[in-house]
Amino acid sequence: MFTLILASLLSLPLYPLNPEAQDTLASANLHFTIGVNGPNSIVSTGPEMSLKYEMLVQHPIVIRAAVDYKYGDVTTRLFPNGYIHTAVTSVEVFFYRGTDKLTGYLGAGIVYSYNYFKLTSAAADSLVTNHAINDVRIKNTFGYRITLGMRIHRSYAIEFAVTEVRPDFIYTARTSPSQYSEIAERTRLNDVRLTFGFLLPVRIF
């Protein structure tokens, strides 16, 4: 039974008999994706878009540089309600296996998250009135990402990724007519995303 299962797996396009001879991955690709992000314990589900540049280093290693944009609402009672706009830059390394019909890949890398937080009007009024807090922002920070993906006919991709970052919420409070203080509160803004993409081969000059 085990032999039959193993033979079935090895017959799939993800397991070519001669990986390097059947390697059809382009030397470089532009990769456009769109999908959904979240939710987690703090931020609601939101849209995500990204632009990625992928370069084949040597079979079966690919390096990717990417810029992502995502949006979400803070709806928990742990933090003031508001809207988070996040731009994420990342560098990842992938290991892939497959043919022109179907390619699977697994990768990991470092991300840097740029966060813009905008309070709702009600939350801003409440913070000023009750706590003399004039502003709340989320600090930019480093994190990491793990990605599992599948590429179909060299041009279409489906990815599932987990990103982990731990930024600080920074509260700016007015302590006197001429003085302000800042209070930092660490949080965990991990997210899970599912994206669908299109790849466009490019030439390396």
N, C-alpha and C. Protein backbone atom coordinates (compact mmCIF):
# COMPACT_ATOMS: atom_id res chain seq x y z
N MET A 1 0.83 -1.20 0.00
CA MET A 1 0.00 0.00 0.00
C MET A 1 0.88 1.27 0.00
N PHE A 2 1.90 1.25 0.86
CA PHE A 2 2.81 2.39 0.92
C PHE A 2 3.50 2.61 -0.42
N THR A 3 3.88 1.52 -1.08
CA THR A 3 4.55 1.62 -2.39
C THR A 3 3.62 2.25 -3.42
N LEU A 4 2.34 1.90 -3.37
CA LEU A 4 1.36 2.45 -4.30
C LEU A 4 1.18 3.94 -4.07
N ILE A 5 1.09 4.36 -2.80
CA ILE A 5 0.94 5.79 -2.49
C ILE A 5 2.16 6.57 -2.94
N LEU A 6 3.35 6.04 -2.66
CA LEU A 6 4.58 6.72 -3.05
C LEU A 6 4.69 6.85 -4.57
N ALA A 7 4.32 5.79 -5.29
CA ALA A 7 4.37 5.83 -6.75
C ALA A 7 3.39 6.86 -7.30
N SER A 8 2.21 6.99 -6.66
CA SER A 8 1.22 7.97 -7.10
C SER A 8 1.74 9.39 -6.91
N LEU A 9 2.38 9.66 -5.75
CA LEU A 9 2.92 10.98 -5.48
C LEU A 9 4.02 11.34 -6.47
N LEU A 10 4.89 10.40 -6.75
CA LEU A 10 6.01 10.66 -7.65
C LEU A 10 5.57 10.85 -9.09
N SER A 11 4.37 10.43 -9.41
CA SER A 11 3.86 10.60 -10.77
C SER A 11 3.22 11.97 -10.99
N LEU A 12 3.02 12.74 -9.91
CA LEU A 12 2.44 14.06 -10.04
C LEU A 12 3.43 15.02 -10.69
N PRO A 13 2.93 16.13 -11.31
CA PRO A 13 3.84 17.11 -11.92
C PRO A 13 4.80 17.75 -10.92
N LEU A 14 4.44 17.74 -9.62
CA LEU A 14 5.33 18.32 -8.62
C LEU A 14 6.60 17.50 -8.43
N TYR A 15 6.60 16.27 -8.92
CA TYR A 15 7.75 15.38 -8.76
C TYR A 15 8.27 14.93 -10.12
N PRO A 16 8.92 15.81 -10.87
CA PRO A 16 9.44 15.41 -12.18
C PRO A 16 10.55 14.38 -12.03
N LEU A 17 10.69 13.51 -13.02
CA LEU A 17 11.71 12.48 -12.98
C LEU A 17 13.11 13.08 -13.05
N ASN A 18 13.24 14.16 -13.82
CA ASN A 18 14.53 14.83 -13.95
C ASN A 18 14.31 16.32 -13.71
N PRO A 19 14.34 16.77 -12.45
CA PRO A 19 13.94 18.14 -12.11
C PRO A 19 14.67 19.22 -12.89
N GLU A 20 15.98 19.10 -13.05
CA GLU A 20 16.72 20.17 -13.72
C GLU A 20 16.46 20.20 -15.22
N ALA A 21 16.31 19.03 -15.84
CA ALA A 21 16.03 18.99 -17.27
C ALA A 21 14.63 19.49 -17.57
N GLN A 22 13.68 19.26 -16.66
CA GLN A 22 12.30 19.69 -16.85
C GLN A 22 12.01 21.03 -16.20
N ASP A 23 13.03 21.71 -15.73
CA ASP A 23 12.87 23.00 -15.06
C ASP A 23 12.46 24.05 -16.08
N THR A 24 11.26 24.61 -15.92
CA THR A 24 10.76 25.61 -16.86
C THR A 24 10.57 26.97 -16.20
N LEU A 25 11.09 27.15 -15.00
CA LEU A 25 10.93 28.42 -14.31
C LEU A 25 11.73 29.50 -15.02
N ALA A 26 11.10 30.67 -15.22
CA ALA A 26 11.78 31.79 -15.88
C ALA A 26 12.90 32.32 -14.99
N SER A 27 13.91 32.92 -15.61
CA SER A 27 15.03 33.48 -14.85
C SER A 27 14.58 34.61 -13.93
N ALA A 28 13.56 35.37 -14.37
CA ALA A 28 13.03 36.46 -13.56
C ALA A 28 11.55 36.63 -13.87
N ASN A 29 10.78 36.98 -12.84
CA ASN A 29 9.35 37.20 -13.00
C ASN A 29 8.91 38.44 -12.23
N LEU A 30 7.91 39.14 -12.80
CA LEU A 30 7.12 40.08 -12.02
C LEU A 30 5.86 39.36 -11.61
N HIS A 31 5.53 39.45 -10.34
CA HIS A 31 4.43 38.67 -9.80
C HIS A 31 3.43 39.64 -9.14
N PHE A 32 2.21 39.73 -9.69
CA PHE A 32 1.15 40.59 -9.16
C PHE A 32 0.15 39.71 -8.41
N THR A 33 -0.21 40.10 -7.18
CA THR A 33 -1.17 39.30 -6.42
C THR A 33 -2.22 40.19 -5.78
N ILE A 34 -3.36 39.58 -5.51
CA ILE A 34 -4.44 40.22 -4.77
C ILE A 34 -5.11 39.14 -3.93
N GLY A 35 -5.56 39.52 -2.74
CA GLY A 35 -6.16 38.52 -1.87
C GLY A 35 -6.74 39.12 -0.61
N VAL A 36 -6.90 38.29 0.41
CA VAL A 36 -7.46 38.72 1.69
C VAL A 36 -6.45 38.44 2.80
N ASN A 37 -6.52 39.27 3.83
CA ASN A 37 -5.58 39.22 4.93
C ASN A 37 -6.33 39.20 6.25
N GLY A 38 -5.92 38.31 7.16
CA GLY A 38 -6.53 38.27 8.49
C GLY A 38 -7.73 37.34 8.52
N PRO A 39 -8.53 37.44 9.58
CA PRO A 39 -8.39 38.35 10.71
C PRO A 39 -7.47 37.80 11.79
N ASN A 40 -7.13 38.64 12.79
CA ASN A 40 -6.45 38.17 13.98
C ASN A 40 -7.16 38.73 15.20
N SER A 41 -6.54 38.67 16.35
CA SER A 41 -7.21 39.08 17.59
C SER A 41 -7.42 40.59 17.68
N ILE A 42 -6.77 41.35 16.79
CA ILE A 42 -6.86 42.81 16.86
C ILE A 42 -7.47 43.42 15.61
N VAL A 43 -7.05 42.94 14.44
CA VAL A 43 -7.43 43.56 13.17
C VAL A 43 -8.39 42.66 12.41
N SER A 44 -9.38 43.28 11.77
CA SER A 44 -10.38 42.54 10.99
C SER A 44 -9.80 42.08 9.66
N THR A 45 -10.57 41.27 8.95
CA THR A 45 -10.20 40.86 7.60
C THR A 45 -10.15 42.07 6.67
N GLY A 46 -9.16 42.09 5.78
CA GLY A 46 -9.05 43.20 4.86
C GLY A 46 -8.39 42.79 3.56
N PRO A 47 -8.42 43.65 2.56
CA PRO A 47 -7.81 43.33 1.26
C PRO A 47 -6.29 43.49 1.31
N GLU A 48 -5.61 42.82 0.39
CA GLU A 48 -4.16 42.95 0.27
C GLU A 48 -3.77 42.87 -1.20
N MET A 49 -2.83 43.73 -1.60
CA MET A 49 -2.28 43.72 -2.95
C MET A 49 -0.76 43.73 -2.85
N SER A 50 -0.10 43.16 -3.83
CA SER A 50 1.36 43.14 -3.76
C SER A 50 1.98 43.09 -5.16
N LEU A 51 3.21 43.57 -5.22
CA LEU A 51 4.04 43.49 -6.42
C LEU A 51 5.35 42.84 -6.00
N LYS A 52 5.73 41.77 -6.70
CA LYS A 52 6.92 41.01 -6.33
C LYS A 52 7.85 40.88 -7.53
N TYR A 53 9.14 40.87 -7.23
CA TYR A 53 10.14 40.58 -8.25
C TYR A 53 10.88 39.32 -7.82
N GLU A 54 10.87 38.30 -8.68
CA GLU A 54 11.46 37.02 -8.35
C GLU A 54 12.61 36.70 -9.31
N MET A 55 13.71 36.21 -8.76
CA MET A 55 14.86 35.89 -9.58
C MET A 55 15.35 34.48 -9.25
N LEU A 56 15.52 33.67 -10.28
CA LEU A 56 16.04 32.32 -10.12
C LEU A 56 17.55 32.41 -9.92
N VAL A 57 18.02 31.99 -8.75
CA VAL A 57 19.45 32.00 -8.46
C VAL A 57 20.11 30.78 -9.07
N GLN A 58 19.62 29.63 -8.69
CA GLN A 58 20.07 28.35 -9.22
C GLN A 58 19.06 27.31 -8.80
N HIS A 59 18.73 26.43 -9.71
CA HIS A 59 17.74 25.39 -9.40
C HIS A 59 18.13 24.69 -8.10
N PRO A 60 17.21 24.61 -7.11
CA PRO A 60 15.82 25.06 -7.08
C PRO A 60 15.60 26.24 -6.14
N ILE A 61 16.46 27.27 -6.19
CA ILE A 61 16.39 28.39 -5.25
C ILE A 61 15.97 29.67 -5.98
N VAL A 62 14.97 30.35 -5.40
CA VAL A 62 14.47 31.62 -5.93
C VAL A 62 14.53 32.67 -4.82
N ILE A 63 14.98 33.88 -5.17
CA ILE A 63 14.95 35.01 -4.25
C ILE A 63 13.86 35.97 -4.69
N ARG A 64 13.09 36.45 -3.72
CA ARG A 64 11.98 37.36 -4.03
C ARG A 64 12.08 38.63 -3.20
N ALA A 65 11.89 39.77 -3.86
CA ALA A 65 11.73 41.06 -3.18
C ALA A 65 10.32 41.55 -3.47
N ALA A 66 9.61 42.04 -2.45
CA ALA A 66 8.20 42.37 -2.64
C ALA A 66 7.80 43.60 -1.83
N VAL A 67 6.72 44.25 -2.32
CA VAL A 67 6.08 45.34 -1.60
C VAL A 67 4.59 45.01 -1.54
N ASP A 68 4.03 45.00 -0.32
CA ASP A 68 2.63 44.67 -0.11
C ASP A 68 1.90 45.87 0.50
N TYR A 69 0.61 45.97 0.21
CA TYR A 69 -0.26 46.93 0.87
C TYR A 69 -1.47 46.20 1.40
N LYS A 70 -1.82 46.48 2.66
CA LYS A 70 -3.01 45.86 3.24
C LYS A 70 -3.74 46.86 4.13
N TYR A 71 -5.01 46.57 4.36
CA TYR A 71 -5.87 47.48 5.11
C TYR A 71 -6.72 46.67 6.07
N GLY A 72 -6.98 47.22 7.26
CA GLY A 72 -7.84 46.53 8.22
C GLY A 72 -8.38 47.49 9.26
N ASP A 73 -9.38 47.04 10.01
CA ASP A 73 -9.99 47.82 11.09
C ASP A 73 -9.60 47.22 12.42
N VAL A 74 -9.27 48.08 13.39
CA VAL A 74 -9.04 47.64 14.77
C VAL A 74 -10.40 47.65 15.47
N THR A 75 -10.87 46.49 15.90
CA THR A 75 -12.21 46.38 16.49
C THR A 75 -12.18 45.81 17.90
N THR A 76 -11.00 45.54 18.45
CA THR A 76 -10.90 44.97 19.78
C THR A 76 -11.01 46.05 20.86
N ARG A 77 -11.38 45.64 22.07
CA ARG A 77 -11.43 46.59 23.19
C ARG A 77 -10.05 46.84 23.79
N LEU A 78 -9.06 46.04 23.39
CA LEU A 78 -7.71 46.21 23.93
C LEU A 78 -7.06 47.49 23.45
N PHE A 79 -7.45 47.96 22.26
CA PHE A 79 -6.86 49.16 21.67
C PHE A 79 -7.98 50.04 21.12
N PRO A 80 -7.72 51.33 20.97
CA PRO A 80 -8.74 52.23 20.41
C PRO A 80 -9.14 51.81 19.00
N ASN A 81 -10.40 52.03 18.68
CA ASN A 81 -10.87 51.70 17.34
C ASN A 81 -10.24 52.64 16.30
N GLY A 82 -9.94 52.05 15.15
CA GLY A 82 -9.35 52.85 14.08
C GLY A 82 -9.07 52.02 12.86
N TYR A 83 -8.36 52.61 11.91
CA TYR A 83 -8.07 51.97 10.63
C TYR A 83 -6.55 51.87 10.46
N ILE A 84 -6.08 50.69 10.05
CA ILE A 84 -4.65 50.48 9.85
C ILE A 84 -4.36 50.31 8.36
N HIS A 85 -3.49 51.15 7.84
CA HIS A 85 -2.95 51.00 6.49
C HIS A 85 -1.50 50.56 6.65
N THR A 86 -1.13 49.46 6.02
CA THR A 86 0.20 48.90 6.21
C THR A 86 0.86 48.62 4.87
N ALA A 87 2.09 49.09 4.74
CA ALA A 87 2.94 48.73 3.60
C ALA A 87 4.06 47.86 4.13
N VAL A 88 4.29 46.72 3.48
CA VAL A 88 5.28 45.76 3.94
C VAL A 88 6.29 45.51 2.83
N THR A 89 7.56 45.69 3.13
CA THR A 89 8.62 45.29 2.22
C THR A 89 9.23 43.99 2.74
N SER A 90 9.64 43.12 1.83
CA SER A 90 10.13 41.82 2.26
C SER A 90 11.19 41.28 1.30
N VAL A 91 12.02 40.42 1.83
CA VAL A 91 12.98 39.65 1.05
C VAL A 91 12.85 38.20 1.50
N GLU A 92 12.57 37.30 0.54
CA GLU A 92 12.34 35.90 0.88
C GLU A 92 13.15 34.98 -0.02
N VAL A 93 13.42 33.80 0.48
CA VAL A 93 14.11 32.76 -0.28
C VAL A 93 13.17 31.56 -0.39
N PHE A 94 13.04 31.00 -1.63
CA PHE A 94 12.12 29.91 -1.89
C PHE A 94 12.84 28.67 -2.42
N PHE A 95 12.31 27.54 -2.04
CA PHE A 95 12.71 26.26 -2.61
C PHE A 95 11.51 25.74 -3.40
N TYR A 96 11.69 25.38 -4.68
CA TYR A 96 10.56 24.96 -5.50
C TYR A 96 10.83 23.60 -6.14
N ARG A 97 9.74 23.00 -6.61
CA ARG A 97 9.83 21.71 -7.29
C ARG A 97 8.64 21.57 -8.22
N GLY A 98 8.86 21.16 -9.45
CA GLY A 98 7.74 20.96 -10.36
C GLY A 98 8.11 21.10 -11.81
N THR A 99 7.09 21.21 -12.64
CA THR A 99 7.25 21.35 -14.09
C THR A 99 6.44 22.55 -14.56
N ASP A 100 6.29 22.70 -15.90
CA ASP A 100 5.52 23.83 -16.41
C ASP A 100 4.03 23.70 -16.09
N LYS A 101 3.55 22.50 -15.76
CA LYS A 101 2.13 22.32 -15.45
C LYS A 101 1.82 22.70 -14.00
N LEU A 102 2.67 22.29 -13.10
CA LEU A 102 2.39 22.51 -11.69
C LEU A 102 3.71 22.59 -10.92
N THR A 103 3.85 23.67 -10.16
CA THR A 103 5.06 23.87 -9.35
C THR A 103 4.66 24.22 -7.93
N GLY A 104 5.24 23.55 -6.97
CA GLY A 104 5.02 23.87 -5.56
C GLY A 104 6.27 24.51 -4.98
N TYR A 105 6.10 25.40 -4.01
CA TYR A 105 7.26 26.06 -3.41
C TYR A 105 6.99 26.43 -1.96
N LEU A 106 8.07 26.49 -1.20
CA LEU A 106 8.04 26.83 0.21
C LEU A 106 9.15 27.84 0.48
N GLY A 107 8.83 28.92 1.18
CA GLY A 107 9.84 29.94 1.41
C GLY A 107 9.67 30.65 2.74
N ALA A 108 10.69 31.41 3.10
CA ALA A 108 10.68 32.20 4.33
C ALA A 108 11.57 33.41 4.14
N GLY A 109 11.31 34.45 4.92
CA GLY A 109 12.13 35.64 4.79
C GLY A 109 11.82 36.69 5.83
N ILE A 110 12.46 37.84 5.67
CA ILE A 110 12.34 38.96 6.61
C ILE A 110 11.41 40.02 6.01
N VAL A 111 10.58 40.62 6.86
CA VAL A 111 9.68 41.69 6.43
C VAL A 111 9.93 42.92 7.29
N TYR A 112 9.60 44.09 6.73
CA TYR A 112 9.61 45.33 7.49
C TYR A 112 8.27 46.01 7.26
N SER A 113 7.57 46.30 8.34
CA SER A 113 6.20 46.79 8.28
C SER A 113 6.14 48.28 8.57
N TYR A 114 5.56 49.06 7.62
CA TYR A 114 5.32 50.49 7.80
C TYR A 114 3.83 50.66 8.10
N ASN A 115 3.50 51.19 9.26
CA ASN A 115 2.11 51.22 9.70
C ASN A 115 1.59 52.66 9.85
N TYR A 116 0.40 52.89 9.32
CA TYR A 116 -0.29 54.16 9.53
C TYR A 116 -1.63 53.87 10.18
N PHE A 117 -1.84 54.45 11.37
CA PHE A 117 -3.05 54.18 12.15
C PHE A 117 -3.86 55.46 12.27
N LYS A 118 -5.13 55.39 11.92
CA LYS A 118 -6.03 56.54 12.02
C LYS A 118 -7.18 56.19 12.95
N LEU A 119 -7.32 56.95 14.01
CA LEU A 119 -8.41 56.73 14.96
C LEU A 119 -9.76 57.10 14.35
N THR A 120 -10.81 56.41 14.79
CA THR A 120 -12.16 56.85 14.44
C THR A 120 -12.44 58.15 15.22
N SER A 121 -13.40 58.91 14.77
CA SER A 121 -13.73 60.18 15.44
C SER A 121 -14.16 59.95 16.88
N ALA A 122 -14.97 58.91 17.10
CA ALA A 122 -15.45 58.62 18.46
C ALA A 122 -14.31 58.23 19.38
N ALA A 123 -13.38 57.40 18.88
CA ALA A 123 -12.24 56.98 19.70
C ALA A 123 -11.32 58.14 20.01
N ALA A 124 -11.08 59.02 19.03
CA ALA A 124 -10.21 60.18 19.25
C ALA A 124 -10.81 61.12 20.29
N ASP A 125 -12.11 61.37 20.22
CA ASP A 125 -12.77 62.25 21.19
C ASP A 125 -12.72 61.64 22.59
N SER A 126 -12.94 60.34 22.69
CA SER A 126 -12.92 59.67 23.99
C SER A 126 -11.53 59.72 24.63
N LEU A 127 -10.48 59.49 23.84
CA LEU A 127 -9.12 59.51 24.37
C LEU A 127 -8.73 60.90 24.87
N VAL A 128 -9.09 61.94 24.12
CA VAL A 128 -8.77 63.30 24.54
C VAL A 128 -9.53 63.68 25.80
N THR A 129 -10.81 63.36 25.85
CA THR A 129 -11.65 63.75 26.98
C THR A 129 -11.30 62.99 28.25
N ASN A 130 -11.09 61.67 28.15
CA ASN A 130 -10.92 60.84 29.34
C ASN A 130 -9.47 60.62 29.75
N HIS A 131 -8.53 60.69 28.79
CA HIS A 131 -7.15 60.36 29.13
C HIS A 131 -6.13 61.41 28.67
N ALA A 132 -6.58 62.50 28.09
CA ALA A 132 -5.71 63.56 27.58
C ALA A 132 -4.71 63.03 26.56
N ILE A 133 -5.11 61.97 25.83
CA ILE A 133 -4.28 61.39 24.77
C ILE A 133 -4.65 62.04 23.45
N ASN A 134 -3.66 62.66 22.82
CA ASN A 134 -3.91 63.40 21.60
C ASN A 134 -3.68 62.60 20.33
N ASP A 135 -2.88 61.53 20.42
CA ASP A 135 -2.54 60.79 19.21
C ASP A 135 -2.16 59.36 19.56
N VAL A 136 -2.46 58.45 18.63
CA VAL A 136 -2.06 57.05 18.74
C VAL A 136 -1.46 56.63 17.40
N ARG A 137 -0.29 56.01 17.44
CA ARG A 137 0.34 55.53 16.22
C ARG A 137 0.94 54.15 16.46
N ILE A 138 1.25 53.46 15.37
CA ILE A 138 1.85 52.14 15.45
C ILE A 138 3.27 52.23 14.90
N LYS A 139 4.22 51.78 15.68
CA LYS A 139 5.62 51.88 15.30
C LYS A 139 5.96 50.91 14.18
N ASN A 140 6.81 51.31 13.25
CA ASN A 140 7.31 50.42 12.21
C ASN A 140 8.24 49.38 12.83
N THR A 141 8.26 48.18 12.28
CA THR A 141 9.06 47.14 12.90
C THR A 141 9.40 46.02 11.92
N PHE A 142 10.40 45.20 12.28
CA PHE A 142 10.77 44.02 11.52
C PHE A 142 9.95 42.81 11.97
N GLY A 143 9.87 41.82 11.07
CA GLY A 143 9.21 40.56 11.40
C GLY A 143 9.66 39.49 10.42
N TYR A 144 8.90 38.43 10.34
CA TYR A 144 9.24 37.35 9.41
C TYR A 144 7.98 36.80 8.76
N ARG A 145 8.18 36.07 7.66
CA ARG A 145 7.04 35.49 6.92
C ARG A 145 7.41 34.10 6.42
N ILE A 146 6.44 33.20 6.46
CA ILE A 146 6.57 31.86 5.90
C ILE A 146 5.49 31.70 4.83
N THR A 147 5.87 31.23 3.64
CA THR A 147 4.94 31.16 2.51
C THR A 147 4.94 29.76 1.90
N LEU A 148 3.74 29.29 1.62
CA LEU A 148 3.53 28.03 0.89
C LEU A 148 2.73 28.36 -0.35
N GLY A 149 3.24 27.97 -1.53
CA GLY A 149 2.57 28.36 -2.75
C GLY A 149 2.52 27.27 -3.80
N MET A 150 1.68 27.52 -4.80
CA MET A 150 1.54 26.60 -5.92
C MET A 150 1.39 27.42 -7.20
N ARG A 151 2.13 27.05 -8.22
CA ARG A 151 2.14 27.77 -9.49
C ARG A 151 1.56 26.85 -10.57
N ILE A 152 0.63 27.37 -11.37
CA ILE A 152 -0.06 26.57 -12.37
C ILE A 152 0.24 27.12 -13.76
N HIS A 153 0.73 26.24 -14.65
CA HIS A 153 1.05 26.61 -16.04
C HIS A 153 1.95 27.85 -16.11
N ARG A 154 2.85 28.00 -15.14
CA ARG A 154 3.89 29.03 -15.13
C ARG A 154 3.37 30.45 -14.97
N SER A 155 2.05 30.67 -15.11
CA SER A 155 1.52 32.03 -15.15
C SER A 155 0.60 32.39 -13.99
N TYR A 156 0.08 31.41 -13.27
CA TYR A 156 -0.88 31.68 -12.21
C TYR A 156 -0.37 31.08 -10.90
N ALA A 157 -0.67 31.75 -9.80
CA ALA A 157 -0.15 31.30 -8.51
C ALA A 157 -1.21 31.45 -7.43
N ILE A 158 -1.17 30.53 -6.48
CA ILE A 158 -1.97 30.59 -5.26
C ILE A 158 -1.00 30.49 -4.09
N GLU A 159 -1.13 31.41 -3.14
CA GLU A 159 -0.21 31.41 -2.00
C GLU A 159 -0.95 31.50 -0.68
N PHE A 160 -0.39 30.82 0.31
CA PHE A 160 -0.86 30.91 1.69
C PHE A 160 0.35 31.32 2.53
N ALA A 161 0.23 32.41 3.26
CA ALA A 161 1.40 32.93 3.99
C ALA A 161 1.01 33.35 5.40
N VAL A 162 1.95 33.21 6.31
CA VAL A 162 1.81 33.65 7.70
C VAL A 162 2.90 34.68 7.98
N THR A 163 2.49 35.87 8.43
CA THR A 163 3.44 36.94 8.75
C THR A 163 3.35 37.27 10.23
N GLU A 164 4.50 37.44 10.85
CA GLU A 164 4.57 37.73 12.28
C GLU A 164 5.35 39.02 12.51
N VAL A 165 4.70 40.04 13.09
CA VAL A 165 5.37 41.27 13.52
C VAL A 165 4.84 41.65 14.90
N ARG A 166 5.68 42.32 15.68
CA ARG A 166 5.30 42.73 17.04
C ARG A 166 5.62 44.22 17.23
N PRO A 167 4.77 45.09 16.70
CA PRO A 167 5.02 46.53 16.83
C PRO A 167 4.49 47.08 18.16
N ASP A 168 4.82 48.33 18.43
CA ASP A 168 4.32 49.04 19.61
C ASP A 168 3.23 50.02 19.20
N PHE A 169 2.14 50.06 19.99
CA PHE A 169 1.20 51.17 19.90
C PHE A 169 1.79 52.30 20.74
N ILE A 170 1.95 53.48 20.17
CA ILE A 170 2.52 54.62 20.87
C ILE A 170 1.40 55.63 21.15
N TYR A 171 1.15 55.89 22.46
CA TYR A 171 0.15 56.86 22.88
C TYR A 171 0.85 58.16 23.27
N THR A 172 0.45 59.26 22.66
CA THR A 172 1.00 60.58 23.00
C THR A 172 -0.02 61.33 23.84
N ALA A 173 0.36 61.61 25.10
CA ALA A 173 -0.53 62.27 26.04
C ALA A 173 0.00 63.65 26.39
N ARG A 174 -0.92 64.56 26.64
CA ARG A 174 -0.53 65.93 27.03
C ARG A 174 -0.52 66.00 28.55
N THR A 175 0.66 66.24 29.14
CA THR A 175 0.80 66.28 30.60
C THR A 175 0.73 67.69 31.16
N SER A 176 0.95 68.68 30.30
CA SER A 176 0.85 70.08 30.70
C SER A 176 0.65 70.90 29.43
N PRO A 177 0.34 72.18 29.55
CA PRO A 177 0.15 72.99 28.34
C PRO A 177 1.33 72.96 27.37
N SER A 178 2.54 72.65 27.86
CA SER A 178 3.71 72.68 26.99
C SER A 178 4.49 71.37 26.95
N GLN A 179 3.99 70.32 27.60
CA GLN A 179 4.72 69.06 27.65
C GLN A 179 3.84 67.88 27.25
N TYR A 180 4.51 66.89 26.60
CA TYR A 180 3.84 65.67 26.17
C TYR A 180 4.65 64.47 26.63
N SER A 181 3.97 63.36 26.80
CA SER A 181 4.66 62.10 27.13
C SER A 181 4.17 61.01 26.19
N GLU A 182 5.02 59.99 26.01
CA GLU A 182 4.67 58.86 25.15
C GLU A 182 4.67 57.57 25.95
N ILE A 183 3.66 56.74 25.70
CA ILE A 183 3.54 55.44 26.35
C ILE A 183 3.50 54.38 25.26
N ALA A 184 4.36 53.37 25.35
CA ALA A 184 4.42 52.30 24.35
C ALA A 184 3.78 51.04 24.90
N GLU A 185 2.98 50.40 24.07
CA GLU A 185 2.34 49.13 24.45
C GLU A 185 2.56 48.12 23.33
N ARG A 186 3.30 47.05 23.63
CA ARG A 186 3.65 46.05 22.63
C ARG A 186 2.43 45.20 22.27
N THR A 187 2.29 44.89 20.98
CA THR A 187 1.20 44.03 20.53
C THR A 187 1.72 43.07 19.47
N ARG A 188 0.89 42.13 19.10
CA ARG A 188 1.25 41.12 18.11
C ARG A 188 0.30 41.24 16.92
N LEU A 189 0.83 41.68 15.79
CA LEU A 189 0.01 41.86 14.59
C LEU A 189 0.32 40.77 13.57
N ASN A 190 0.25 39.53 14.01
CA ASN A 190 0.44 38.43 13.07
C ASN A 190 -0.77 38.32 12.15
N ASP A 191 -0.58 37.84 10.94
CA ASP A 191 -1.71 37.68 10.03
C ASP A 191 -1.50 36.47 9.13
N VAL A 192 -2.61 36.00 8.61
CA VAL A 192 -2.64 34.90 7.64
C VAL A 192 -3.28 35.44 6.37
N ARG A 193 -2.67 35.16 5.22
CA ARG A 193 -3.22 35.70 3.98
C ARG A 193 -3.33 34.61 2.93
N LEU A 194 -4.33 34.78 2.07
CA LEU A 194 -4.53 33.92 0.90
C LEU A 194 -4.58 34.82 -0.31
N THR A 195 -3.69 34.60 -1.27
CA THR A 195 -3.62 35.48 -2.43
C THR A 195 -3.60 34.68 -3.73
N PHE A 196 -4.04 35.34 -4.78
CA PHE A 196 -4.03 34.78 -6.13
C PHE A 196 -3.22 35.72 -7.01
N GLY A 197 -2.34 35.14 -7.84
CA GLY A 197 -1.43 35.99 -8.58
C GLY A 197 -1.26 35.62 -10.04
N PHE A 198 -0.67 36.57 -10.76
CA PHE A 198 -0.34 36.39 -12.17
C PHE A 198 1.14 36.73 -12.34
N LEU A 199 1.88 35.89 -13.08
CA LEU A 199 3.32 36.08 -13.27
C LEU A 199 3.61 36.51 -14.71
N LEU A 200 4.52 37.46 -14.83
CA LEU A 200 4.94 37.95 -16.12
C LEU A 200 6.45 37.81 -16.22
N PRO A 201 6.96 36.94 -17.09
CA PRO A 201 8.43 36.80 -17.22
C PRO A 201 9.07 38.09 -17.71
N VAL A 202 10.23 38.41 -17.18
CA VAL A 202 10.97 39.59 -17.62
C VAL A 202 12.39 39.18 -17.97
N ARG A 203 13.04 39.99 -18.78
CA ARG A 203 14.41 39.70 -19.19
C ARG A 203 15.39 40.40 -18.26
N ILE A 204 16.45 39.75 -17.92
CA ILE A 204 17.50 40.32 -17.09
C ILE A 204 18.60 40.88 -17.99
N PHE A 205 18.87 42.17 -17.84
CA PHE A 205 19.89 42.79 -18.69
C PHE A 205 21.22 42.82 -17.96
